[in-house]
Protein backbone atom coordinates (compact mmCIF):
# COMPACT_ATOMS: atom_id res chain seq x y z
CA MET A 1 23.51 110.43 88.72
CA ASN A 2 19.80 111.37 88.59
CA ALA A 3 19.07 108.03 86.90
CA PHE A 4 20.60 106.27 89.95
CA PHE A 5 18.40 108.23 92.36
CA ASP A 6 15.32 107.84 90.14
CA ARG A 7 15.72 104.08 90.17
CA TYR A 8 15.21 104.03 93.94
CA ASN A 9 12.51 106.76 94.02
CA LEU A 10 14.47 108.93 96.49
CA SER A 11 13.17 112.32 97.50
CA ALA A 12 15.35 115.45 97.29
CA PHE A 13 16.22 115.23 101.02
CA GLU A 14 17.10 111.53 100.75
CA ARG A 15 19.27 112.27 97.73
CA ARG A 16 21.15 114.98 99.65
CA LEU A 17 21.54 112.69 102.65
CA THR A 18 22.89 109.87 100.44
CA VAL A 19 25.46 112.19 98.85
CA ILE A 20 26.55 113.54 102.27
CA VAL A 21 26.88 110.03 103.76
CA GLY A 22 28.83 108.87 100.67
CA MET A 23 31.21 111.82 100.97
CA ALA A 24 31.65 111.17 104.69
CA ILE A 25 32.50 107.50 104.02
CA PHE A 26 34.92 108.58 101.25
CA LEU A 27 36.65 111.03 103.63
CA VAL A 28 36.88 108.45 106.45
CA ILE A 29 38.42 105.86 104.10
CA ASN A 30 40.94 108.47 102.87
CA MET A 31 41.81 109.50 106.43
CA MET A 32 42.35 105.90 107.50
CA PHE A 33 44.19 104.41 104.52
CA ILE A 34 45.44 107.12 102.11
CA TRP A 35 46.57 110.16 104.09
CA PRO A 36 48.93 108.26 106.47
CA GLN A 37 50.87 107.09 103.38
CA PHE A 38 51.77 110.68 102.42
CA SER A 39 54.52 110.75 105.09
CA GLU A 40 56.36 108.01 103.18
CA TRP A 41 56.44 110.05 99.99
CA GLY A 42 59.58 111.94 101.08
CA GLU A 43 61.41 108.68 101.89
CA ILE A 44 60.41 107.15 98.56
CA LYS A 45 61.58 110.28 96.71
CA GLU A 46 64.92 110.20 98.58
CA LYS A 47 65.43 106.51 97.77
CA THR A 48 64.57 107.16 94.14
CA ASP A 49 67.08 110.04 93.96
CA LYS A 50 69.80 107.83 95.49
CA ALA A 51 69.05 105.05 93.03
CA HIS A 52 69.28 107.49 90.10
CA GLN A 53 72.58 108.86 91.44
CA ARG A 54 73.98 105.32 91.80
CA LEU A 55 72.85 104.51 88.27
CA ARG A 56 74.62 107.62 86.93
CA THR A 57 77.80 106.62 88.81
CA TYR A 58 77.71 103.09 87.40
CA ARG A 59 77.11 104.35 83.87
CA ALA A 60 80.05 106.77 84.18
CA ALA A 61 82.27 103.94 85.45
CA ILE A 62 81.23 101.72 82.54
CA GLU A 63 81.99 104.52 80.07
CA ASN A 64 85.43 105.00 81.68
CA GLY A 65 86.13 101.26 81.57
CA LYS A 66 88.41 101.42 78.55
CA ALA A 67 90.51 104.23 80.05
CA LEU A 68 90.73 102.33 83.36
CA LYS A 69 91.88 99.15 81.58
CA THR A 70 94.58 101.12 79.80
CA ARG A 71 95.71 102.67 83.10
CA LEU A 72 95.71 99.25 84.79
CA THR A 73 97.94 97.85 82.04
CA GLU A 74 100.34 100.79 82.46
CA LEU A 75 100.52 100.26 86.23
CA GLU A 76 101.06 96.52 85.87
CA GLN A 77 103.92 97.09 83.45
CA ALA A 78 105.46 99.78 85.68
CA GLY A 79 106.02 97.24 88.44
CA SER A 80 105.47 97.62 92.14
CA ASP A 81 107.20 99.15 95.13
CA VAL A 82 106.39 96.02 97.09
CA LEU A 83 108.84 93.23 96.33
CA PRO A 84 108.50 89.45 96.81
CA ALA A 85 109.15 87.91 100.23
CA GLU A 86 112.41 86.28 99.06
CA ARG A 87 113.96 89.76 98.96
CA ALA A 88 113.23 90.26 102.67
CA ASN A 89 116.06 87.87 103.53
CA GLN A 90 118.48 90.08 101.61
CA LEU A 91 117.67 93.23 103.59
CA VAL A 92 120.57 92.75 106.05
CA THR A 93 122.97 92.25 103.14
CA ILE A 94 121.63 95.41 101.45
CA ILE A 95 122.11 97.44 104.65
CA GLN A 96 125.67 96.16 105.20
CA THR A 97 126.66 96.59 101.53
CA THR A 98 125.27 100.14 101.44
CA ALA A 99 127.11 100.96 104.68
CA ALA A 100 130.39 99.69 103.20
CA GLN A 101 129.87 101.65 99.96
CA THR A 102 129.17 104.91 101.82
CA LYS A 103 132.04 104.36 104.29
CA LEU A 104 129.67 104.16 107.26
CA PRO A 105 131.53 102.41 110.11
CA ALA A 106 130.39 98.78 110.46
CA PRO A 107 126.90 99.10 111.91
CA SER A 108 125.28 96.75 114.39
CA VAL A 109 122.21 95.30 112.62
CA VAL A 110 119.53 93.61 114.76
CA SER A 111 116.15 92.31 113.62
CA ALA A 112 113.20 94.39 114.83
CA ARG A 113 109.65 92.99 114.96
CA MET A 114 107.37 95.13 112.82
CA ALA A 115 103.60 95.23 112.45
CA LEU A 116 101.75 96.90 109.61
CA SER A 117 99.80 99.98 110.57
CA ASP A 118 96.73 98.53 108.82
CA PRO A 119 96.02 94.96 110.13
CA SER A 120 93.80 94.18 107.11
CA LYS A 121 96.91 94.31 104.88
CA GLU A 122 98.84 91.76 106.97
CA GLN A 123 97.43 88.84 105.00
CA PHE A 124 99.09 90.21 101.83
CA PHE A 125 102.21 92.04 103.04
CA GLU A 126 105.00 91.40 105.48
CA GLN A 127 106.88 94.27 107.07
CA VAL A 128 110.55 93.60 107.77
CA GLY A 129 112.58 95.90 109.97
CA TYR A 130 116.10 96.09 111.35
CA SER A 131 117.52 98.27 114.09
CA VAL A 132 120.86 99.75 113.02
CA SER A 133 123.36 101.33 115.43
CA THR A 134 126.70 102.98 114.66
CA THR A 135 129.00 105.86 115.57
CA THR A 136 130.05 108.02 112.65
CA ASP A 137 130.67 111.45 111.17
CA SER A 138 127.77 113.25 109.53
CA ASP A 139 128.97 112.86 105.90
CA PRO A 140 128.95 109.02 105.76
CA LEU A 141 125.60 108.98 107.61
CA ILE A 142 123.99 111.34 105.08
CA ALA A 143 125.46 109.36 102.18
CA PHE A 144 124.12 106.12 103.73
CA LEU A 145 120.61 107.54 104.18
CA ILE A 146 120.50 108.81 100.60
CA ALA A 147 121.77 105.49 99.21
CA ILE A 148 119.41 103.35 101.31
CA GLY A 149 116.42 105.54 100.32
CA SER A 150 117.15 105.18 96.60
CA ASN A 151 117.40 101.37 96.79
CA ASP A 152 114.96 99.26 94.71
CA ASP A 153 113.58 97.69 97.90
CA VAL A 154 112.06 101.04 98.95
CA ILE A 155 113.57 100.95 102.42
CA ARG A 156 112.26 103.63 104.79
CA VAL A 157 113.78 105.08 107.95
CA ARG A 158 111.05 104.73 110.57
CA ASP A 159 112.98 106.01 113.64
CA LEU A 160 116.23 107.97 113.80
CA THR A 161 118.01 109.04 116.98
CA LEU A 162 121.22 111.11 116.91
CA GLU A 163 123.39 112.05 119.90
CA PRO A 164 126.89 113.51 120.06
CA GLU A 165 129.49 110.97 121.18
CA THR A 166 130.63 111.61 124.72
CA ASN A 167 134.38 111.83 124.09
CA LYS A 168 134.39 113.22 120.55
CA ARG A 169 132.00 116.06 119.84
CA ASN A 170 132.39 115.86 116.05
CA ARG A 171 131.05 112.26 115.89
CA LEU A 172 127.48 111.08 116.27
CA LYS A 173 125.92 108.05 117.93
CA CYS A 174 123.18 106.98 115.57
CA ARG A 175 120.30 104.54 116.11
CA MET A 176 117.74 104.00 113.35
CA THR A 177 115.06 101.52 112.38
CA LEU A 178 114.97 100.62 108.68
CA VAL A 179 111.72 99.14 107.36
CA ALA A 180 110.57 97.60 104.04
CA ASN A 181 107.32 95.91 102.92
CA TYR A 182 107.32 92.65 100.99
CA LYS A 183 104.59 90.57 99.37
CA LYS A 184 103.72 87.43 101.26
CA GLN A 185 103.76 84.14 99.38
CA PRO A 186 100.27 83.26 98.10
CA SER A 187 98.38 80.74 100.17
CA GLU A 188 95.00 79.06 100.10
CA LYS A 189 93.96 81.14 103.10
CA THR A 190 94.64 84.53 101.49
CA GLY A 191 93.64 83.45 98.02
CA VAL A 192 96.26 85.77 96.54
CA GLN A 193 97.48 84.76 93.10
CA VAL A 194 100.90 85.77 91.86
CA ARG A 195 101.06 86.39 88.14
CA ARG A 196 104.07 84.83 86.42
CA GLN A 197 106.01 87.33 84.29
């Protein structure tokens, strides 16, 4: 440092003044360009932590890949609760056959327009529903509900209304809505592919 000052023949005062001015310039440059960047340090640290967390999640998923593939194979072989659309046409027959088997008096079966609760699933699934009305004793009704619930088509009772019949107190007027979901046929629009078994 002294060699630098000696080269320019600076006196002791001039040397002090040069050092003070240099420090002032250094501080001004830091205040203008460096210190404002410190506020971004927290954001950068937060982004880095999130990136590390995401990386750990991805690595864990990759390590679990084999187990997931095994589970996927098991689920594919187990089948699905959602049946092909061709079965939707048989729903009336299933209802009437089950009613006959459980000795439920011939019900009135009328198609009911159904919409899926989640509109994003409508491109893949179709919900089919029928309104069923009959007058019966409690035993055949219970037997019918148990039989229809254990059917392969996974038919659900969405609405059920029971009232005593006006003339006969031991009989019930029953109105119910039976609903089942079916896979839609694949189309170019949905891009769904059906695997042949």
